Amino acid sequence: MAHLAAYMLMALVMSMIPGADTILIMKNTLHHGAKAGRFTILGMATGLTFWTLIAVLGLSVAIAQSVYLFNTIKYIGATYLFYLGIMVFLTKNTLSLEHISEEEKAVKPSSNHAYKESYIQGALSNFLNPKTVLVYITFMPQFINLDAHTNQQLLMLGFILTLIAVSWFLILVYVVDYVKKWLKKPMFQKTFQRCSGVLLIGFGIRTIV
C-alpha cells in the first residue's frame, strides 16, 4: 500500500477539523467529566467501525448511488443533530462544575446514565452521518493498490482512521478536562452551552447541504 504516511497525515488533519464529534465530546466532557468524554469517543469509534464494515461489504458505493437511501440517512442524521443542538441550546442549567463533582460522588446511577447517553450520542452522530460513506468511496480509494486485496486494505485504512481519530479525541478530552478547572464562571459555561447548541444545529444544516 503506497503513500501510507500521507494517508495518516491526511486522516489526522481530517480528525482535527472541528465537527459534530468535537462539539459532542467537549460538551459531554465539560458536563459529565472526562469519563463521559471517553464514552462519547467509544461511541464515535463504534460508528466508524460500522461504516468500515459497510465499505468492506461493498455497500458504501450502493448507498452513495441510491438517492433515496442516501437522502433518508442524511435527513435522519440532520434531524438528530438538530435535536441535540436544540436540547443543548434550550437547557436552563449551566455546567456547574462543583455541582457535577458532588453529583458524581453521590449519585452513581445518574453518572452511569450520563455515560450511556454519551456513548449513544457518539455512536448515533456517526451512524447517521452519510458523509462518512463518502470518505470511504472518495478518500480511501486513492491509497488502495488495486492489484492487492482491496477488502484487507479497506480494513487497514479504516482501522488507521479510527485509531487516529480516537487518539486525537482522547487528547482533546484530557485538555478540556484539565482546562475546565479554570472555566468555573457560569457566564462561560452558559455561553459554551449556547454556542454548542448553535454549532450542532449548524452541522445539522451542513449535513444536508
Protein backbone atom coordinates (compact mmCIF):
# COMPACT_ATOMS: atom_id res chain seq x y z
CA MET A 1 0.00 0.00 0.00
CA ALA A 2 1.65 3.20 -1.19
CA HIS A 3 1.69 6.61 0.48
CA LEU A 4 0.60 5.31 3.89
CA ALA A 5 2.34 8.19 5.66
CA ALA A 6 0.43 10.71 3.53
CA TYR A 7 -2.82 8.92 4.33
CA MET A 8 -2.10 9.03 8.07
CA LEU A 9 -1.30 12.75 7.89
CA MET A 10 -4.50 13.50 5.98
CA ALA A 11 -6.50 11.35 8.40
CA LEU A 12 -5.08 13.34 11.32
CA VAL A 13 -5.96 16.65 9.66
CA MET A 14 -9.49 15.42 8.97
CA SER A 15 -9.86 14.34 12.60
CA MET A 16 -8.63 17.69 13.92
CA ILE A 17 -11.07 19.73 11.83
CA PRO A 18 -13.85 20.75 14.27
CA GLY A 19 -17.08 18.91 13.60
CA ALA A 20 -20.12 17.49 15.36
CA ASP A 21 -17.98 14.86 17.13
CA THR A 22 -15.71 17.57 18.54
CA ILE A 23 -18.65 19.53 19.91
CA LEU A 24 -20.27 16.45 21.46
CA ILE A 25 -17.02 15.34 23.09
CA MET A 26 -16.32 18.80 24.52
CA LYS A 27 -19.89 19.21 25.74
CA ASN A 28 -20.04 15.82 27.46
CA THR A 29 -16.56 16.24 28.96
CA LEU A 30 -17.43 19.63 30.44
CA HIS A 31 -20.84 18.50 31.65
CA HIS A 32 -20.16 14.99 32.95
CA GLY A 33 -16.38 14.69 33.14
CA ALA A 34 -13.55 13.03 31.23
CA LYS A 35 -15.09 9.57 31.51
CA ALA A 36 -18.20 10.75 29.66
CA GLY A 37 -15.94 12.23 27.00
CA ARG A 38 -14.22 8.87 26.60
CA PHE A 39 -17.59 7.11 26.32
CA THR A 40 -18.51 9.58 23.57
CA ILE A 41 -15.28 8.65 21.79
CA LEU A 42 -16.12 4.95 22.18
CA GLY A 43 -19.47 5.59 20.53
CA MET A 44 -17.79 7.51 17.74
CA ALA A 45 -15.34 4.63 17.20
CA THR A 46 -18.28 2.21 17.03
CA GLY A 47 -19.86 4.31 14.28
CA LEU A 48 -16.61 4.48 12.30
CA THR A 49 -16.17 0.72 12.64
CA PHE A 50 -19.71 0.23 11.36
CA TRP A 51 -19.02 2.24 8.20
CA THR A 52 -15.71 0.42 7.71
CA LEU A 53 -17.54 -2.90 7.67
CA ILE A 54 -20.13 -1.46 5.30
CA ALA A 55 -17.33 -0.38 2.97
CA VAL A 56 -15.70 -3.80 3.13
CA LEU A 57 -19.00 -5.43 2.23
CA GLY A 58 -19.17 -3.19 -0.81
CA LEU A 59 -22.35 -1.43 0.35
CA SER A 60 -20.86 2.05 0.63
CA VAL A 61 -20.99 2.56 -3.14
CA ALA A 62 -24.53 1.22 -3.26
CA ILE A 63 -25.64 3.66 -0.56
CA ALA A 64 -23.92 6.58 -2.29
CA GLN A 65 -25.60 5.70 -5.59
CA SER A 66 -29.06 5.29 -4.07
CA VAL A 67 -30.55 8.78 -3.88
CA TYR A 68 -33.49 7.65 -1.73
CA LEU A 69 -31.41 5.73 0.82
CA PHE A 70 -28.68 8.39 0.93
CA ASN A 71 -31.22 11.18 1.49
CA THR A 72 -33.05 9.14 4.13
CA ILE A 73 -29.87 8.66 6.17
CA LYS A 74 -28.88 12.27 5.55
CA TYR A 75 -32.16 13.74 6.83
CA ILE A 76 -32.33 11.40 9.82
CA GLY A 77 -28.79 12.46 10.75
CA ALA A 78 -29.62 16.14 10.29
CA THR A 79 -32.74 15.77 12.44
CA TYR A 80 -30.73 14.13 15.21
CA LEU A 81 -28.14 16.93 15.16
CA PHE A 82 -30.93 19.49 15.23
CA TYR A 83 -32.43 17.70 18.24
CA LEU A 84 -29.13 17.65 20.13
CA GLY A 85 -28.46 21.30 19.28
CA ILE A 86 -31.90 22.49 20.36
CA MET A 87 -31.77 20.49 23.62
CA VAL A 88 -28.34 21.93 24.46
CA PHE A 89 -29.34 25.47 23.45
CA LEU A 90 -32.60 25.49 25.43
CA THR A 91 -31.32 23.92 28.64
CA LYS A 92 -31.54 26.38 31.52
CA ASN A 93 -28.89 24.82 33.73
CA THR A 94 -25.30 26.00 33.43
CA LEU A 95 -22.49 23.50 33.75
CA SER A 96 -21.81 23.92 37.44
CA LEU A 97 -18.52 22.08 37.89
CA GLU A 98 -18.75 21.95 41.68
CA HIS A 99 -22.27 20.54 41.46
CA ILE A 100 -21.18 18.00 38.88
CA SER A 101 -18.32 16.81 41.08
CA GLU A 102 -20.62 16.36 44.08
CA GLU A 103 -23.23 14.64 41.93
CA GLU A 104 -20.68 12.18 40.51
CA LYS A 105 -19.66 11.15 44.04
CA ALA A 106 -23.18 10.96 45.48
CA VAL A 107 -25.35 9.65 42.64
CA LYS A 108 -23.73 6.75 40.84
CA PRO A 109 -26.77 5.68 38.74
CA SER A 110 -27.04 9.18 37.29
CA SER A 111 -23.40 9.03 36.25
CA ASN A 112 -23.88 5.65 34.63
CA HIS A 113 -26.85 7.04 32.73
CA ALA A 114 -24.75 10.00 31.56
CA TYR A 115 -22.02 7.66 30.32
CA LYS A 116 -24.52 5.52 28.47
CA GLU A 117 -26.12 8.60 26.92
CA SER A 118 -22.69 9.93 25.92
CA TYR A 119 -21.88 6.65 24.18
CA ILE A 120 -25.22 6.64 22.33
CA GLN A 121 -24.74 10.23 21.19
CA GLY A 122 -21.25 9.49 19.87
CA ALA A 123 -22.45 6.37 18.06
CA LEU A 124 -25.56 7.89 16.52
CA SER A 125 -23.74 11.01 15.32
CA ASN A 126 -21.61 8.68 13.19
CA PHE A 127 -24.20 6.03 12.32
CA LEU A 128 -26.47 8.73 10.92
CA ASN A 129 -23.81 10.66 9.03
CA PRO A 130 -23.92 9.59 5.35
CA LYS A 131 -20.89 11.74 4.56
CA THR A 132 -18.81 9.15 6.39
CA VAL A 133 -19.59 6.86 3.45
CA LEU A 134 -18.12 9.42 1.08
CA VAL A 135 -14.82 9.28 2.98
CA TYR A 136 -14.54 5.62 2.07
CA ILE A 137 -15.54 5.95 -1.57
CA THR A 138 -13.62 9.15 -2.37
CA PHE A 139 -10.72 9.50 0.07
CA MET A 140 -9.61 5.93 0.77
CA PRO A 141 -9.53 4.59 -2.80
CA GLN A 142 -6.68 6.98 -3.57
CA PHE A 143 -4.49 4.93 -1.23
CA ILE A 144 -5.54 1.46 -2.36
CA ASN A 145 -3.47 -0.80 -4.57
CA LEU A 146 -5.94 -2.46 -6.95
CA ASP A 147 -3.52 -5.31 -7.56
CA ALA A 148 -3.79 -6.40 -3.92
CA HIS A 149 -6.72 -7.43 -1.72
CA THR A 150 -8.91 -4.31 -1.56
CA ASN A 151 -11.01 -5.54 1.38
CA GLN A 152 -7.94 -6.05 3.54
CA GLN A 153 -6.66 -2.62 2.57
CA LEU A 154 -10.02 -1.04 3.41
CA LEU A 155 -9.99 -2.74 6.79
CA MET A 156 -6.48 -1.45 7.49
CA LEU A 157 -7.24 2.10 6.32
CA GLY A 158 -10.48 2.15 8.29
CA PHE A 159 -8.69 0.90 11.40
CA ILE A 160 -5.96 3.53 10.98
CA LEU A 161 -8.52 6.31 10.53
CA THR A 162 -10.42 5.18 13.63
CA LEU A 163 -7.22 4.85 15.67
CA ILE A 164 -6.01 8.32 14.68
CA ALA A 165 -9.40 9.91 15.38
CA VAL A 166 -9.68 8.18 18.77
CA SER A 167 -6.13 9.22 19.73
CA TRP A 168 -6.79 12.85 18.81
CA PHE A 169 -10.09 12.97 20.69
CA LEU A 170 -8.56 11.37 23.80
CA ILE A 171 -6.02 14.20 23.80
CA LEU A 172 -8.87 16.68 23.38
CA VAL A 173 -10.74 15.17 26.35
CA TYR A 174 -7.63 15.41 28.52
CA VAL A 175 -7.06 19.06 27.55
CA VAL A 176 -10.70 20.05 28.07
CA ASP A 177 -10.89 18.21 31.40
CA TYR A 178 -7.67 19.91 32.54
CA VAL A 179 -8.61 23.38 31.36
CA LYS A 180 -12.10 23.24 32.85
CA LYS A 181 -10.55 23.84 36.27
CA TRP A 182 -10.20 27.46 35.13
CA LEU A 183 -13.61 27.58 33.48
CA LYS A 184 -15.82 27.71 36.54
CA LYS A 185 -17.51 31.00 35.68
CA PRO A 186 -21.24 30.42 34.98
CA MET A 187 -21.14 33.01 32.19
CA PHE A 188 -18.57 30.99 30.24
CA GLN A 189 -20.46 27.75 30.81
CA LYS A 190 -23.73 29.29 29.68
CA THR A 191 -22.08 30.80 26.61
CA PHE A 192 -20.46 27.47 25.74
CA GLN A 193 -23.81 25.68 26.00
CA ARG A 194 -25.45 28.19 23.68
CA CYS A 195 -22.55 28.03 21.21
CA SER A 196 -22.58 24.22 21.32
CA GLY A 197 -26.28 24.22 20.51
CA VAL A 198 -25.86 26.64 17.61
CA LEU A 199 -22.90 24.68 16.22
CA LEU A 200 -24.75 21.35 16.41
CA ILE A 201 -27.69 22.87 14.59
CA GLY A 202 -25.23 24.29 12.06
CA PHE A 203 -23.68 20.88 11.49
CA GLY A 204 -27.20 19.52 11.04
CA ILE A 205 -27.70 22.04 8.23
CA ARG A 206 -24.28 21.23 6.80
CA THR A 207 -25.18 17.53 6.68
CA ILE A 208 -27.97 18.12 4.17
CA VAL A 209 -26.18 20.76 2.07
